[in-house]
Amino acid sequence: MTSTPERRDELVAAAAADALTAEERAELDALRAGDPAVDREIAELRALLGRVRHAVPV
């Protein structure tokens, strides 16, 4: 499966926010198989989201 850069970004962002559907999760798994940087990007984005959540009062 070939993914566009935009779709890749959407999947990474949704994964970082724990907002993937089952179909998107399967798509992300296929993307991960061909691109080992995906997991690193998800982890970095999750860390950033955590810092933002702590910095911005709810």
PDB file of N, CA and C in Angstrom:
ATOM      1  N   MET A   1       0.841  -1.172   0.000  1.00  0.00           N
ATOM      2  CA  MET A   1       0.000   0.000   0.000  1.00  0.00           C
ATOM      3  C   MET A   1       0.889   1.239   0.000  1.00  0.00           C
ATOM      4  N   THR A   2       0.553   2.176  -0.840  1.00  0.00           N
ATOM      5  CA  THR A   2       1.293   3.426  -0.904  1.00  0.00           C
ATOM      6  C   THR A   2       0.470   4.512  -0.232  1.00  0.00           C
ATOM      7  N   SER A   3       1.112   5.243   0.640  1.00  0.00           N
ATOM      8  CA  SER A   3       0.443   6.302   1.379  1.00  0.00           C
ATOM      9  C   SER A   3       1.040   7.636   0.980  1.00  0.00           C
ATOM     10  N   THR A   4       0.201   8.634   0.841  1.00  0.00           N
ATOM     11  CA  THR A   4       0.707   9.972   0.541  1.00  0.00           C
ATOM     12  C   THR A   4       1.324  10.556   1.805  1.00  0.00           C
ATOM     13  N   PRO A   5       2.180  11.554   1.654  1.00  0.00           N
ATOM     14  CA  PRO A   5       2.743  12.200   2.847  1.00  0.00           C
ATOM     15  C   PRO A   5       1.655  12.785   3.752  1.00  0.00           C
ATOM     16  N   GLU A   6       0.597  13.312   3.153  1.00  0.00           N
ATOM     17  CA  GLU A   6      -0.485  13.881   3.950  1.00  0.00           C
ATOM     18  C   GLU A   6      -1.207  12.805   4.758  1.00  0.00           C
ATOM     19  N   ARG A   7      -1.460  11.661   4.119  1.00  0.00           N
ATOM     20  CA  ARG A   7      -2.142  10.573   4.814  1.00  0.00           C
ATOM     21  C   ARG A   7      -1.258  10.022   5.925  1.00  0.00           C
ATOM     22  N   ARG A   8       0.027   9.924   5.657  1.00  0.00           N
ATOM     23  CA  ARG A   8       0.974   9.461   6.675  1.00  0.00           C
ATOM     24  C   ARG A   8       0.899  10.368   7.891  1.00  0.00           C
ATOM     25  N   ASP A   9       0.921  11.680   7.657  1.00  0.00           N
ATOM     26  CA  ASP A   9       0.838  12.645   8.757  1.00  0.00           C
ATOM     27  C   ASP A   9      -0.469  12.496   9.531  1.00  0.00           C
ATOM     28  N   GLU A  10      -1.572  12.285   8.815  1.00  0.00           N
ATOM     29  CA  GLU A  10      -2.869  12.099   9.472  1.00  0.00           C
ATOM     30  C   GLU A  10      -2.851  10.879  10.386  1.00  0.00           C
ATOM     31  N   LEU A  11      -2.290   9.791   9.891  1.00  0.00           N
ATOM     32  CA  LEU A  11      -2.239   8.563  10.676  1.00  0.00           C
ATOM     33  C   LEU A  11      -1.340   8.716  11.900  1.00  0.00           C
ATOM     34  N   VAL A  12      -0.201   9.365  11.732  1.00  0.00           N
ATOM     35  CA  VAL A  12       0.716   9.584  12.855  1.00  0.00           C
ATOM     36  C   VAL A  12       0.029  10.442  13.912  1.00  0.00           C
ATOM     37  N   ALA A  13      -0.623  11.518  13.486  1.00  0.00           N
ATOM     38  CA  ALA A  13      -1.302  12.406  14.432  1.00  0.00           C
ATOM     39  C   ALA A  13      -2.434  11.683  15.147  1.00  0.00           C
ATOM     40  N   ALA A  14      -3.214  10.916  14.417  1.00  0.00           N
ATOM     41  CA  ALA A  14      -4.318  10.181  15.032  1.00  0.00           C
ATOM     42  C   ALA A  14      -3.800   9.132  16.007  1.00  0.00           C
ATOM     43  N   ALA A  15      -2.704   8.488  15.676  1.00  0.00           N
ATOM     44  CA  ALA A  15      -2.115   7.500  16.578  1.00  0.00           C
ATOM     45  C   ALA A  15      -1.622   8.170  17.853  1.00  0.00           C
ATOM     46  N   ALA A  16      -1.000   9.323  17.720  1.00  0.00           N
ATOM     47  CA  ALA A  16      -0.489  10.042  18.889  1.00  0.00           C
ATOM     48  C   ALA A  16      -1.626  10.458  19.811  1.00  0.00           C
ATOM     49  N   ALA A  17      -2.779  10.738  19.230  1.00  0.00           N
ATOM     50  CA  ALA A  17      -3.943  11.161  20.015  1.00  0.00           C
ATOM     51  C   ALA A  17      -4.832   9.981  20.414  1.00  0.00           C
ATOM     52  N   ASP A  18      -4.388   8.768  20.111  1.00  0.00           N
ATOM     53  CA  ASP A  18      -5.196   7.559  20.380  1.00  0.00           C
ATOM     54  C   ASP A  18      -6.584   7.683  19.776  1.00  0.00           C
ATOM     55  N   ALA A  19      -6.630   8.100  18.513  1.00  0.00           N
ATOM     56  CA  ALA A  19      -7.906   8.331  17.845  1.00  0.00           C
ATOM     57  C   ALA A  19      -7.992   7.596  16.508  1.00  0.00           C
ATOM     58  N   LEU A  20      -7.464   6.394  16.450  1.00  0.00           N
ATOM     59  CA  LEU A  20      -7.507   5.606  15.223  1.00  0.00           C
ATOM     60  C   LEU A  20      -8.709   4.675  15.206  1.00  0.00           C
ATOM     61  N   THR A  21      -9.323   4.544  14.040  1.00  0.00           N
ATOM     62  CA  THR A  21     -10.339   3.514  13.849  1.00  0.00           C
ATOM     63  C   THR A  21      -9.619   2.186  13.606  1.00  0.00           C
ATOM     64  N   ALA A  22     -10.354   1.114  13.587  1.00  0.00           N
ATOM     65  CA  ALA A  22      -9.743  -0.191  13.317  1.00  0.00           C
ATOM     66  C   ALA A  22      -9.103  -0.212  11.930  1.00  0.00           C
ATOM     67  N   GLU A  23      -9.765   0.386  10.957  1.00  0.00           N
ATOM     68  CA  GLU A  23      -9.225   0.432   9.599  1.00  0.00           C
ATOM     69  C   GLU A  23      -7.949   1.274   9.547  1.00  0.00           C
ATOM     70  N   GLU A  24      -7.953   2.399  10.258  1.00  0.00           N
ATOM     71  CA  GLU A  24      -6.768   3.243  10.294  1.00  0.00           C
ATOM     72  C   GLU A  24      -5.617   2.555  11.017  1.00  0.00           C
ATOM     73  N   ARG A  25      -5.936   1.791  12.042  1.00  0.00           N
ATOM     74  CA  ARG A  25      -4.895   1.058  12.770  1.00  0.00           C
ATOM     75  C   ARG A  25      -4.220   0.055  11.838  1.00  0.00           C
ATOM     76  N   ALA A  26      -5.011  -0.621  11.019  1.00  0.00           N
ATOM     77  CA  ALA A  26      -4.444  -1.568  10.055  1.00  0.00           C
ATOM     78  C   ALA A  26      -3.594  -0.840   9.023  1.00  0.00           C
ATOM     79  N   GLU A  27      -4.064   0.328   8.594  1.00  0.00           N
ATOM     80  CA  GLU A  27      -3.303   1.138   7.639  1.00  0.00           C
ATOM     81  C   GLU A  27      -1.983   1.604   8.255  1.00  0.00           C
ATOM     82  N   LEU A  28      -2.039   2.006   9.509  1.00  0.00           N
ATOM     83  CA  LEU A  28      -0.829   2.434  10.208  1.00  0.00           C
ATOM     84  C   LEU A  28       0.143   1.270  10.373  1.00  0.00           C
ATOM     85  N   ASP A  29      -0.361   0.094  10.695  1.00  0.00           N
ATOM     86  CA  ASP A  29       0.511  -1.077  10.839  1.00  0.00           C
ATOM     87  C   ASP A  29       1.250  -1.368   9.539  1.00  0.00           C
ATOM     88  N   ALA A  30       0.546  -1.232   8.408  1.00  0.00           N
ATOM     89  CA  ALA A  30       1.183  -1.443   7.109  1.00  0.00           C
ATOM     90  C   ALA A  30       2.237  -0.368   6.855  1.00  0.00           C
ATOM     91  N   LEU A  31       1.937   0.848   7.239  1.00  0.00           N
ATOM     92  CA  LEU A  31       2.882   1.947   7.078  1.00  0.00           C
ATOM     93  C   LEU A  31       4.121   1.722   7.934  1.00  0.00           C
ATOM     94  N   ARG A  32       3.916   1.272   9.168  1.00  0.00           N
ATOM     95  CA  ARG A  32       5.041   0.984  10.073  1.00  0.00           C
ATOM     96  C   ARG A  32       5.978  -0.070   9.501  1.00  0.00           C
ATOM     97  N   ALA A  33       5.415  -1.044   8.833  1.00  0.00           N
ATOM     98  CA  ALA A  33       6.224  -2.131   8.278  1.00  0.00           C
ATOM     99  C   ALA A  33       7.238  -1.609   7.259  1.00  0.00           C
ATOM    100  N   GLY A  34       6.878  -0.549   6.560  1.00  0.00           N
ATOM    101  CA  GLY A  34       7.775  -0.015   5.548  1.00  0.00           C
ATOM    102  C   GLY A  34       8.535   1.224   5.966  1.00  0.00           C
ATOM    103  N   ASP A  35       8.219   1.753   7.147  1.00  0.00           N
ATOM    104  CA  ASP A  35       8.846   3.001   7.578  1.00  0.00           C
ATOM    105  C   ASP A  35       9.080   2.982   9.081  1.00  0.00           C
ATOM    106  N   PRO A  36      10.267   2.585   9.514  1.00  0.00           N
ATOM    107  CA  PRO A  36      10.548   2.479  10.941  1.00  0.00           C
ATOM    108  C   PRO A  36      10.516   3.814  11.687  1.00  0.00           C
ATOM    109  N   ALA A  37      10.540   4.926  10.984  1.00  0.00           N
ATOM    110  CA  ALA A  37      10.501   6.236  11.638  1.00  0.00           C
ATOM    111  C   ALA A  37       9.115   6.572  12.178  1.00  0.00           C
ATOM    112  N   VAL A  38       8.098   5.867  11.734  1.00  0.00           N
ATOM    113  CA  VAL A  38       6.720   6.164  12.150  1.00  0.00           C
ATOM    114  C   VAL A  38       6.577   6.068  13.668  1.00  0.00           C
ATOM    115  N   ASP A  39       7.060   5.017  14.265  1.00  0.00           N
ATOM    116  CA  ASP A  39       6.927   4.844  15.715  1.00  0.00           C
ATOM    117  C   ASP A  39       7.655   5.944  16.487  1.00  0.00           C
ATOM    118  N   ARG A  40       8.801   6.337  16.006  1.00  0.00           N
ATOM    119  CA  ARG A  40       9.540   7.417  16.651  1.00  0.00           C
ATOM    120  C   ARG A  40       8.754   8.729  16.574  1.00  0.00           C
ATOM    121  N   GLU A  41       8.167   8.999  15.420  1.00  0.00           N
ATOM    122  CA  GLU A  41       7.388  10.228  15.256  1.00  0.00           C
ATOM    123  C   GLU A  41       6.151  10.231  16.154  1.00  0.00           C
ATOM    124  N   ILE A  42       5.502   9.090  16.284  1.00  0.00           N
ATOM    125  CA  ILE A  42       4.338   8.995  17.173  1.00  0.00           C
ATOM    126  C   ILE A  42       4.768   9.262  18.611  1.00  0.00           C
ATOM    127  N   ALA A  43       5.870   8.675  19.025  1.00  0.00           N
ATOM    128  CA  ALA A  43       6.365   8.881  20.395  1.00  0.00           C
ATOM    129  C   ALA A  43       6.718  10.343  20.638  1.00  0.00           C
ATOM    130  N   GLU A  44       7.378  10.974  19.673  1.00  0.00           N
ATOM    131  CA  GLU A  44       7.735  12.384  19.823  1.00  0.00           C
ATOM    132  C   GLU A  44       6.495  13.265  19.908  1.00  0.00           C
ATOM    133  N   LEU A  45       5.508  12.972  19.085  1.00  0.00           N
ATOM    134  CA  LEU A  45       4.279  13.762  19.100  1.00  0.00           C
ATOM    135  C   LEU A  45       3.507  13.555  20.396  1.00  0.00           C
ATOM    136  N   ARG A  46       3.488  12.334  20.894  1.00  0.00           N
ATOM    137  CA  ARG A  46       2.831  12.077  22.189  1.00  0.00           C
ATOM    138  C   ARG A  46       3.519  12.848  23.316  1.00  0.00           C
ATOM    139  N   ALA A  47       4.837  12.892  23.281  1.00  0.00           N
ATOM    140  CA  ALA A  47       5.577  13.646  24.299  1.00  0.00           C
ATOM    141  C   ALA A  47       5.235  15.133  24.208  1.00  0.00           C
ATOM    142  N   LEU A  48       5.170  15.648  23.007  1.00  0.00           N
ATOM    143  CA  LEU A  48       4.816  17.047  22.808  1.00  0.00           C
ATOM    144  C   LEU A  48       3.400  17.320  23.307  1.00  0.00           C
ATOM    145  N   LEU A  49       2.469  16.450  22.972  1.00  0.00           N
ATOM    146  CA  LEU A  49       1.093  16.616  23.440  1.00  0.00           C
ATOM    147  C   LEU A  49       1.018  16.596  24.964  1.00  0.00           C
ATOM    148  N   GLY A  50       1.810  15.748  25.583  1.00  0.00           N
ATOM    149  CA  GLY A  50       1.842  15.694  27.043  1.00  0.00           C
ATOM    150  C   GLY A  50       2.337  16.994  27.645  1.00  0.00           C
ATOM    151  N   ARG A  51       3.375  17.567  27.038  1.00  0.00           N
ATOM    152  CA  ARG A  51       3.888  18.850  27.538  1.00  0.00           C
ATOM    153  C   ARG A  51       2.857  19.960  27.352  1.00  0.00           C
ATOM    154  N   VAL A  52       2.157  19.956  26.246  1.00  0.00           N
ATOM    155  CA  VAL A  52       1.130  20.975  25.999  1.00  0.00           C
ATOM    156  C   VAL A  52      -0.003  20.828  27.005  1.00  0.00           C
ATOM    157  N   ARG A  53      -0.415  19.608  27.257  1.00  0.00           N
ATOM    158  CA  ARG A  53      -1.504  19.381  28.225  1.00  0.00           C
ATOM    159  C   ARG A  53      -1.145  19.889  29.610  1.00  0.00           C
ATOM    160  N   HIS A  54       0.125  19.752  29.981  1.00  0.00           N
ATOM    161  CA  HIS A  54       0.564  20.229  31.297  1.00  0.00           C
ATOM    162  C   HIS A  54       0.744  21.746  31.329  1.00  0.00           C
ATOM    163  N   ALA A  55       1.012  22.341  30.188  1.00  0.00           N
ATOM    164  CA  ALA A  55       1.266  23.776  30.134  1.00  0.00           C
ATOM    165  C   ALA A  55      -0.019  24.602  30.025  1.00  0.00           C
ATOM    166  N   VAL A  56      -1.066  23.991  29.456  1.00  0.00           N
ATOM    167  CA  VAL A  56      -2.308  24.722  29.241  1.00  0.00           C
ATOM    168  C   VAL A  56      -3.349  24.250  30.245  1.00  0.00           C
ATOM    169  N   PRO A  57      -3.805  25.168  31.109  1.00  0.00           N
ATOM    170  CA  PRO A  57      -4.829  24.774  32.081  1.00  0.00           C
ATOM    171  C   PRO A  57      -6.148  24.437  31.397  1.00  0.00           C
ATOM    172  N   VAL A  58      -6.833  23.485  31.976  1.00  0.00           N
ATOM    173  CA  VAL A  58      -8.128  23.064  31.408  1.00  0.00           C
ATOM    174  C   VAL A  58      -9.258  23.793  32.068  1.00  0.00           C
TER     175      VAL A  58
END
